[in-house]
Amino acid sequence: MARSYPARPYLAVSAAIFRDGRVLIVRRARPPAHGLYTLPGGGVELGETLEEAVIREVREETGLEVKPVALAGYRQAIARDAAGKVERHFVILPFAARWIAGDVTLNEELAEAHWLNPAELGGLTTTEGLAQIVAAAAERIAAAGS
């Protein structure tokens, strides 16, 4: 992967997408986070706003149209190899987002997707801090109203 052993951190976005009180949770089909449940998302491209990146990444990974509402926090994913050298370094900005249209159609990066009640996350093997990000995103959605 081109982002292995980076010279700098990579900026990424993700989306806690809410539809009828449920959040979309996906399971990654390949590294990074292979096999873990998480939020759809990916890297920010040069010249792209964070909101544009969220909309594009969600569309590419799931086929859904979403409206980003607000940032829901941040995460840092730093992985080191056996020698202690930084193998991956991502700064991830998760957004609270509303589902606008579409049915989930997964791309090759995702193995499965489920619309879940946020309380159902406890039984899944997730990326670090997923439940906290989803809770913060739910608060942002509620505060924004309809």
N, C-alpha and C. Protein backbone atom coordinates (compact mmCIF):
# COMPACT_ATOMS: atom_id res chain seq x y z
N MET A 1 0.84 -1.18 0.00
CA MET A 1 0.00 0.00 0.00
C MET A 1 0.89 1.24 0.00
N ALA A 2 0.53 2.22 -0.80
CA ALA A 2 1.32 3.43 -0.94
C ALA A 2 1.41 4.22 0.37
N ARG A 3 0.51 3.99 1.28
CA ARG A 3 0.51 4.75 2.53
C ARG A 3 1.23 4.03 3.66
N SER A 4 1.91 2.95 3.34
CA SER A 4 2.73 2.26 4.34
C SER A 4 4.05 2.99 4.48
N TYR A 5 4.54 3.05 5.69
CA TYR A 5 5.79 3.74 6.03
C TYR A 5 5.80 5.16 5.47
N PRO A 6 4.83 5.97 5.90
CA PRO A 6 4.69 7.32 5.35
C PRO A 6 5.74 8.29 5.88
N ALA A 7 5.94 9.36 5.13
CA ALA A 7 6.82 10.44 5.56
C ALA A 7 6.05 11.44 6.41
N ARG A 8 4.72 11.33 6.39
CA ARG A 8 3.86 12.25 7.14
C ARG A 8 2.54 11.54 7.44
N PRO A 9 1.77 12.06 8.39
CA PRO A 9 0.44 11.50 8.63
C PRO A 9 -0.48 11.76 7.44
N TYR A 10 -1.45 10.89 7.24
CA TYR A 10 -2.47 11.07 6.21
C TYR A 10 -3.77 11.51 6.87
N LEU A 11 -4.45 12.45 6.22
CA LEU A 11 -5.74 12.96 6.70
C LEU A 11 -6.85 12.14 6.07
N ALA A 12 -7.76 11.68 6.91
CA ALA A 12 -8.90 10.90 6.45
C ALA A 12 -10.17 11.40 7.12
N VAL A 13 -11.30 11.06 6.52
CA VAL A 13 -12.61 11.39 7.09
C VAL A 13 -13.43 10.11 7.16
N SER A 14 -14.44 10.13 8.01
CA SER A 14 -15.40 9.04 8.07
C SER A 14 -16.76 9.63 8.39
N ALA A 15 -17.80 8.80 8.30
CA ALA A 15 -19.15 9.32 8.53
C ALA A 15 -19.98 8.36 9.36
N ALA A 16 -20.52 8.88 10.46
CA ALA A 16 -21.54 8.17 11.23
C ALA A 16 -22.86 8.62 10.61
N ILE A 17 -23.38 7.78 9.71
CA ILE A 17 -24.57 8.11 8.92
C ILE A 17 -25.81 7.62 9.66
N PHE A 18 -26.73 8.53 9.92
CA PHE A 18 -27.95 8.18 10.64
C PHE A 18 -29.15 8.17 9.70
N ARG A 19 -29.97 7.13 9.87
CA ARG A 19 -31.22 6.97 9.11
C ARG A 19 -32.23 6.33 10.05
N ASP A 20 -33.31 7.04 10.31
CA ASP A 20 -34.38 6.51 11.18
C ASP A 20 -33.84 6.02 12.52
N GLY A 21 -32.92 6.78 13.12
CA GLY A 21 -32.38 6.45 14.44
C GLY A 21 -31.32 5.38 14.45
N ARG A 22 -30.97 4.84 13.30
CA ARG A 22 -29.94 3.81 13.21
C ARG A 22 -28.71 4.39 12.52
N VAL A 23 -27.55 3.81 12.80
CA VAL A 23 -26.28 4.26 12.22
C VAL A 23 -25.73 3.15 11.33
N LEU A 24 -25.12 3.54 10.22
CA LEU A 24 -24.52 2.57 9.31
C LEU A 24 -23.14 2.17 9.82
N ILE A 25 -22.97 0.87 10.05
CA ILE A 25 -21.69 0.32 10.49
C ILE A 25 -21.23 -0.66 9.40
N VAL A 26 -19.96 -0.57 9.03
CA VAL A 26 -19.42 -1.43 7.98
C VAL A 26 -18.26 -2.25 8.54
N ARG A 27 -17.99 -3.37 7.88
CA ARG A 27 -16.83 -4.20 8.26
C ARG A 27 -15.84 -4.13 7.10
N ARG A 28 -14.59 -3.79 7.43
CA ARG A 28 -13.54 -3.62 6.43
C ARG A 28 -13.12 -4.98 5.86
N ALA A 29 -12.94 -5.01 4.54
CA ALA A 29 -12.55 -6.24 3.84
C ALA A 29 -11.05 -6.37 3.66
N ARG A 30 -10.31 -5.28 3.94
CA ARG A 30 -8.85 -5.32 3.76
C ARG A 30 -8.20 -4.28 4.66
N PRO A 31 -6.88 -4.33 4.79
CA PRO A 31 -6.19 -3.35 5.64
C PRO A 31 -6.35 -1.93 5.10
N PRO A 32 -6.25 -0.92 5.93
CA PRO A 32 -6.13 -1.03 7.39
C PRO A 32 -7.48 -1.38 8.01
N ALA A 33 -7.45 -1.86 9.20
CA ALA A 33 -8.64 -2.25 9.98
C ALA A 33 -9.37 -3.45 9.39
N HIS A 34 -8.65 -4.33 8.71
CA HIS A 34 -9.26 -5.52 8.11
C HIS A 34 -10.06 -6.31 9.15
N GLY A 35 -11.32 -6.61 8.81
CA GLY A 35 -12.18 -7.42 9.67
C GLY A 35 -12.87 -6.66 10.79
N LEU A 36 -12.51 -5.42 11.01
CA LEU A 36 -13.12 -4.64 12.09
C LEU A 36 -14.35 -3.88 11.60
N TYR A 37 -15.28 -3.71 12.51
CA TYR A 37 -16.45 -2.87 12.22
C TYR A 37 -16.08 -1.43 12.49
N THR A 38 -16.54 -0.55 11.60
CA THR A 38 -16.16 0.85 11.68
C THR A 38 -17.16 1.69 10.89
N LEU A 39 -16.78 2.92 10.57
CA LEU A 39 -17.59 3.82 9.76
C LEU A 39 -17.01 3.88 8.36
N PRO A 40 -17.84 4.09 7.34
CA PRO A 40 -17.28 4.28 6.01
C PRO A 40 -16.48 5.57 5.94
N GLY A 41 -15.44 5.57 5.12
CA GLY A 41 -14.62 6.76 4.97
C GLY A 41 -13.31 6.45 4.31
N GLY A 42 -12.47 7.48 4.18
CA GLY A 42 -11.17 7.30 3.56
C GLY A 42 -10.43 8.61 3.46
N GLY A 43 -9.41 8.63 2.64
CA GLY A 43 -8.50 9.76 2.55
C GLY A 43 -9.08 10.99 1.89
N VAL A 44 -8.62 12.14 2.37
CA VAL A 44 -8.98 13.42 1.78
C VAL A 44 -8.03 13.67 0.62
N GLU A 45 -8.59 14.05 -0.53
CA GLU A 45 -7.78 14.32 -1.71
C GLU A 45 -7.39 15.79 -1.78
N LEU A 46 -6.29 16.08 -2.42
CA LEU A 46 -5.80 17.44 -2.59
C LEU A 46 -6.87 18.32 -3.22
N GLY A 47 -7.12 19.50 -2.62
CA GLY A 47 -8.09 20.44 -3.14
C GLY A 47 -9.53 20.17 -2.74
N GLU A 48 -9.75 19.15 -1.94
CA GLU A 48 -11.08 18.73 -1.54
C GLU A 48 -11.38 19.23 -0.13
N THR A 49 -12.57 19.79 0.10
CA THR A 49 -12.94 20.15 1.46
C THR A 49 -13.24 18.87 2.24
N LEU A 50 -13.26 18.98 3.55
CA LEU A 50 -13.59 17.81 4.37
C LEU A 50 -14.98 17.28 4.05
N GLU A 51 -15.94 18.20 3.88
CA GLU A 51 -17.31 17.79 3.57
C GLU A 51 -17.38 17.09 2.21
N GLU A 52 -16.66 17.63 1.22
CA GLU A 52 -16.63 16.98 -0.10
C GLU A 52 -16.02 15.59 0.01
N ALA A 53 -14.98 15.44 0.82
CA ALA A 53 -14.35 14.14 1.00
C ALA A 53 -15.30 13.14 1.63
N VAL A 54 -16.05 13.58 2.64
CA VAL A 54 -17.03 12.68 3.29
C VAL A 54 -18.07 12.21 2.27
N ILE A 55 -18.62 13.14 1.52
CA ILE A 55 -19.65 12.80 0.53
C ILE A 55 -19.09 11.83 -0.51
N ARG A 56 -17.90 12.11 -1.03
CA ARG A 56 -17.29 11.25 -2.04
C ARG A 56 -16.95 9.87 -1.50
N GLU A 57 -16.31 9.81 -0.34
CA GLU A 57 -15.91 8.52 0.22
C GLU A 57 -17.12 7.64 0.53
N VAL A 58 -18.16 8.23 1.10
CA VAL A 58 -19.37 7.45 1.40
C VAL A 58 -19.99 6.94 0.11
N ARG A 59 -20.06 7.79 -0.91
CA ARG A 59 -20.62 7.38 -2.19
C ARG A 59 -19.79 6.24 -2.80
N GLU A 60 -18.45 6.38 -2.78
CA GLU A 60 -17.58 5.35 -3.36
C GLU A 60 -17.69 4.02 -2.62
N GLU A 61 -17.76 4.07 -1.31
CA GLU A 61 -17.76 2.83 -0.53
C GLU A 61 -19.12 2.19 -0.39
N THR A 62 -20.19 3.00 -0.35
CA THR A 62 -21.51 2.44 -0.04
C THR A 62 -22.60 2.76 -1.06
N GLY A 63 -22.35 3.70 -1.97
CA GLY A 63 -23.37 4.10 -2.92
C GLY A 63 -24.40 5.06 -2.36
N LEU A 64 -24.26 5.46 -1.10
CA LEU A 64 -25.24 6.33 -0.46
C LEU A 64 -24.94 7.81 -0.70
N GLU A 65 -26.00 8.61 -0.69
CA GLU A 65 -25.87 10.06 -0.70
C GLU A 65 -26.13 10.53 0.73
N VAL A 66 -25.22 11.36 1.26
CA VAL A 66 -25.34 11.83 2.64
C VAL A 66 -25.13 13.33 2.71
N LYS A 67 -25.57 13.89 3.83
CA LYS A 67 -25.33 15.30 4.14
C LYS A 67 -24.54 15.36 5.44
N PRO A 68 -23.26 15.79 5.37
CA PRO A 68 -22.49 15.96 6.60
C PRO A 68 -23.12 17.08 7.45
N VAL A 69 -23.22 16.84 8.76
CA VAL A 69 -23.86 17.80 9.67
C VAL A 69 -22.82 18.54 10.50
N ALA A 70 -21.90 17.79 11.12
CA ALA A 70 -20.90 18.39 12.00
C ALA A 70 -19.80 17.38 12.29
N LEU A 71 -18.63 17.89 12.65
CA LEU A 71 -17.57 17.00 13.13
C LEU A 71 -18.03 16.35 14.43
N ALA A 72 -17.62 15.10 14.62
CA ALA A 72 -18.01 14.36 15.82
C ALA A 72 -16.80 13.99 16.67
N GLY A 73 -15.66 14.61 16.41
CA GLY A 73 -14.45 14.31 17.17
C GLY A 73 -13.29 14.05 16.24
N TYR A 74 -12.32 13.30 16.73
CA TYR A 74 -11.18 12.91 15.91
C TYR A 74 -10.61 11.62 16.46
N ARG A 75 -9.86 10.94 15.61
CA ARG A 75 -9.16 9.73 15.99
C ARG A 75 -7.79 9.77 15.35
N GLN A 76 -6.82 9.13 16.00
CA GLN A 76 -5.48 8.99 15.45
C GLN A 76 -5.18 7.50 15.39
N ALA A 77 -4.80 7.04 14.24
CA ALA A 77 -4.46 5.63 14.07
C ALA A 77 -2.99 5.54 13.69
N ILE A 78 -2.18 5.07 14.64
CA ILE A 78 -0.74 4.95 14.41
C ILE A 78 -0.36 3.50 14.66
N ALA A 79 0.21 2.87 13.63
CA ALA A 79 0.63 1.48 13.75
C ALA A 79 2.14 1.41 13.53
N ARG A 80 2.81 0.68 14.41
CA ARG A 80 4.26 0.51 14.30
C ARG A 80 4.57 -0.94 13.98
N ASP A 81 5.66 -1.15 13.26
CA ASP A 81 6.08 -2.51 12.96
C ASP A 81 6.88 -3.08 14.13
N ALA A 82 7.38 -4.29 13.99
CA ALA A 82 8.11 -4.97 15.08
C ALA A 82 9.35 -4.20 15.52
N ALA A 83 9.93 -3.42 14.63
CA ALA A 83 11.12 -2.63 14.96
C ALA A 83 10.77 -1.27 15.55
N GLY A 84 9.48 -0.98 15.64
CA GLY A 84 9.05 0.29 16.21
C GLY A 84 8.90 1.42 15.21
N LYS A 85 9.16 1.14 13.94
CA LYS A 85 9.03 2.16 12.90
C LYS A 85 7.55 2.36 12.56
N VAL A 86 7.15 3.62 12.32
CA VAL A 86 5.75 3.92 11.99
C VAL A 86 5.41 3.33 10.63
N GLU A 87 4.49 2.38 10.64
CA GLU A 87 4.06 1.71 9.42
C GLU A 87 2.87 2.43 8.78
N ARG A 88 1.98 2.96 9.62
CA ARG A 88 0.81 3.73 9.16
C ARG A 88 0.53 4.83 10.17
N HIS A 89 0.07 5.98 9.66
CA HIS A 89 -0.31 7.07 10.55
C HIS A 89 -1.43 7.86 9.87
N PHE A 90 -2.64 7.74 10.44
CA PHE A 90 -3.81 8.44 9.94
C PHE A 90 -4.38 9.34 11.02
N VAL A 91 -4.77 10.54 10.65
CA VAL A 91 -5.58 11.42 11.48
C VAL A 91 -6.95 11.39 10.84
N ILE A 92 -7.95 10.93 11.60
CA ILE A 92 -9.29 10.70 11.05
C ILE A 92 -10.28 11.66 11.69
N LEU A 93 -11.02 12.37 10.84
CA LEU A 93 -12.04 13.30 11.31
C LEU A 93 -13.41 12.70 10.99
N PRO A 94 -14.08 12.14 11.99
CA PRO A 94 -15.41 11.56 11.77
C PRO A 94 -16.49 12.64 11.82
N PHE A 95 -17.41 12.55 10.89
CA PHE A 95 -18.54 13.46 10.80
C PHE A 95 -19.83 12.76 11.21
N ALA A 96 -20.73 13.52 11.80
CA ALA A 96 -22.12 13.10 11.92
C ALA A 96 -22.75 13.44 10.59
N ALA A 97 -23.52 12.51 10.02
CA ALA A 97 -24.12 12.75 8.70
C ALA A 97 -25.52 12.16 8.67
N ARG A 98 -26.34 12.74 7.81
CA ARG A 98 -27.69 12.24 7.59
C ARG A 98 -27.75 11.51 6.25
N TRP A 99 -28.44 10.37 6.24
CA TRP A 99 -28.72 9.66 4.99
C TRP A 99 -29.67 10.52 4.17
N ILE A 100 -29.39 10.67 2.89
CA ILE A 100 -30.26 11.43 1.99
C ILE A 100 -30.96 10.49 1.02
N ALA A 101 -30.19 9.57 0.39
CA ALA A 101 -30.79 8.69 -0.62
C ALA A 101 -29.88 7.49 -0.87
N GLY A 102 -30.47 6.47 -1.44
CA GLY A 102 -29.72 5.31 -1.90
C GLY A 102 -29.84 4.11 -0.98
N ASP A 103 -29.49 2.97 -1.56
CA ASP A 103 -29.39 1.71 -0.83
C ASP A 103 -27.92 1.32 -0.79
N VAL A 104 -27.52 0.65 0.28
CA VAL A 104 -26.11 0.28 0.44
C VAL A 104 -25.69 -0.69 -0.65
N THR A 105 -24.63 -0.30 -1.37
CA THR A 105 -23.97 -1.13 -2.36
C THR A 105 -22.48 -1.05 -2.04
N LEU A 106 -21.93 -2.13 -1.50
CA LEU A 106 -20.55 -2.11 -1.02
C LEU A 106 -19.53 -2.20 -2.15
N ASN A 107 -18.41 -1.47 -1.99
CA ASN A 107 -17.29 -1.64 -2.91
C ASN A 107 -16.35 -2.71 -2.35
N GLU A 108 -15.22 -2.91 -3.01
CA GLU A 108 -14.30 -3.99 -2.63
C GLU A 108 -13.61 -3.76 -1.29
N GLU A 109 -13.69 -2.55 -0.74
CA GLU A 109 -13.04 -2.26 0.54
C GLU A 109 -13.86 -2.75 1.74
N LEU A 110 -15.14 -3.03 1.51
CA LEU A 110 -16.03 -3.39 2.62
C LEU A 110 -16.59 -4.79 2.43
N ALA A 111 -16.71 -5.52 3.54
CA ALA A 111 -17.22 -6.90 3.51
C ALA A 111 -18.71 -6.97 3.83
N GLU A 112 -19.20 -6.05 4.66
CA GLU A 112 -20.62 -6.05 5.01
C GLU A 112 -20.99 -4.71 5.62
N ALA A 113 -22.31 -4.48 5.68
CA ALA A 113 -22.82 -3.24 6.26
C ALA A 113 -24.14 -3.53 6.95
N HIS A 114 -24.39 -2.79 8.06
CA HIS A 114 -25.62 -2.98 8.83
C HIS A 114 -26.08 -1.63 9.37
N TRP A 115 -27.38 -1.39 9.31
CA TRP A 115 -27.97 -0.24 10.00
C TRP A 115 -28.29 -0.73 11.41
N LEU A 116 -27.63 -0.17 12.41
CA LEU A 116 -27.77 -0.64 13.79
C LEU A 116 -28.23 0.48 14.72
N ASN A 117 -28.90 0.06 15.78
CA ASN A 117 -29.14 0.97 16.89
C ASN A 117 -27.77 1.18 17.53
N PRO A 118 -27.39 2.42 17.86
CA PRO A 118 -26.08 2.64 18.47
C PRO A 118 -25.78 1.76 19.68
N ALA A 119 -26.80 1.35 20.42
CA ALA A 119 -26.58 0.50 21.59
C ALA A 119 -26.10 -0.90 21.21
N GLU A 120 -26.25 -1.29 19.94
CA GLU A 120 -25.86 -2.63 19.49
C GLU A 120 -24.37 -2.74 19.17
N LEU A 121 -23.62 -1.65 19.27
CA LEU A 121 -22.20 -1.69 18.93
C LEU A 121 -21.37 -2.50 19.92
N GLY A 122 -21.85 -2.63 21.14
CA GLY A 122 -21.09 -3.29 22.20
C GLY A 122 -20.68 -4.72 21.89
N GLY A 123 -21.42 -5.44 21.10
CA GLY A 123 -21.12 -6.83 20.79
C GLY A 123 -20.20 -7.02 19.60
N LEU A 124 -19.75 -5.93 18.97
CA LEU A 124 -18.93 -6.02 17.76
C LEU A 124 -17.46 -5.73 18.05
N THR A 125 -16.59 -6.29 17.24
CA THR A 125 -15.17 -5.97 17.29
C THR A 125 -14.96 -4.77 16.38
N THR A 126 -14.71 -3.61 16.99
CA THR A 126 -14.69 -2.35 16.25
C THR A 126 -13.33 -1.67 16.30
N THR A 127 -13.20 -0.66 15.47
CA THR A 127 -12.04 0.22 15.56
C THR A 127 -12.12 0.94 16.90
N GLU A 128 -10.98 1.35 17.40
CA GLU A 128 -10.91 1.98 18.72
C GLU A 128 -11.77 3.23 18.79
N GLY A 129 -12.59 3.30 19.85
CA GLY A 129 -13.39 4.49 20.10
C GLY A 129 -14.63 4.64 19.25
N LEU A 130 -15.01 3.60 18.51
CA LEU A 130 -16.17 3.72 17.61
C LEU A 130 -17.45 4.08 18.36
N ALA A 131 -17.71 3.42 19.46
CA ALA A 131 -18.95 3.70 20.20
C ALA A 131 -18.99 5.16 20.68
N GLN A 132 -17.87 5.69 21.12
CA GLN A 132 -17.82 7.08 21.57
C GLN A 132 -18.06 8.05 20.42
N ILE A 133 -17.48 7.77 19.27
CA ILE A 133 -17.69 8.63 18.09
C ILE A 133 -19.15 8.58 17.66
N VAL A 134 -19.74 7.40 17.63
CA VAL A 134 -21.15 7.28 17.24
C VAL A 134 -22.04 8.03 18.23
N ALA A 135 -21.74 7.94 19.54
CA ALA A 135 -22.52 8.67 20.54
C ALA A 135 -22.39 10.18 20.34
N ALA A 136 -21.17 10.66 20.07
CA ALA A 136 -20.96 12.09 19.83
C ALA A 136 -21.68 12.52 18.57
N ALA A 137 -21.65 11.68 17.53
CA ALA A 137 -22.34 12.01 16.28
C ALA A 137 -23.84 12.07 16.48
N ALA A 138 -24.38 11.13 17.27
CA ALA A 138 -25.83 11.15 17.55
C ALA A 138 -26.23 12.45 18.26
N GLU A 139 -25.38 12.92 19.16
CA GLU A 139 -25.64 14.20 19.84
C GLU A 139 -25.66 15.36 18.85
N ARG A 140 -24.71 15.35 17.90
CA ARG A 140 -24.64 16.43 16.89
C ARG A 140 -25.88 16.42 16.00
N ILE A 141 -26.32 15.23 15.62
CA ILE A 141 -27.51 15.08 14.78
C ILE A 141 -28.73 15.62 15.53
N ALA A 142 -28.87 15.22 16.80
CA ALA A 142 -30.01 15.67 17.61
C ALA A 142 -29.98 17.19 17.80
N ALA A 143 -28.79 17.75 18.04
CA ALA A 143 -28.67 19.19 18.24
C ALA A 143 -28.99 19.98 16.98
N ALA A 144 -28.71 19.39 15.81
CA ALA A 144 -28.96 20.07 14.56
C ALA A 144 -30.44 20.06 14.17
N GLY A 145 -31.21 19.15 14.81
CA GLY A 145 -32.65 19.06 14.48
C GLY A 145 -32.84 18.57 13.06
N SER A 146 -34.02 18.76 12.55
CA SER A 146 -34.30 18.29 11.19
C SER A 146 -34.06 19.42 10.24
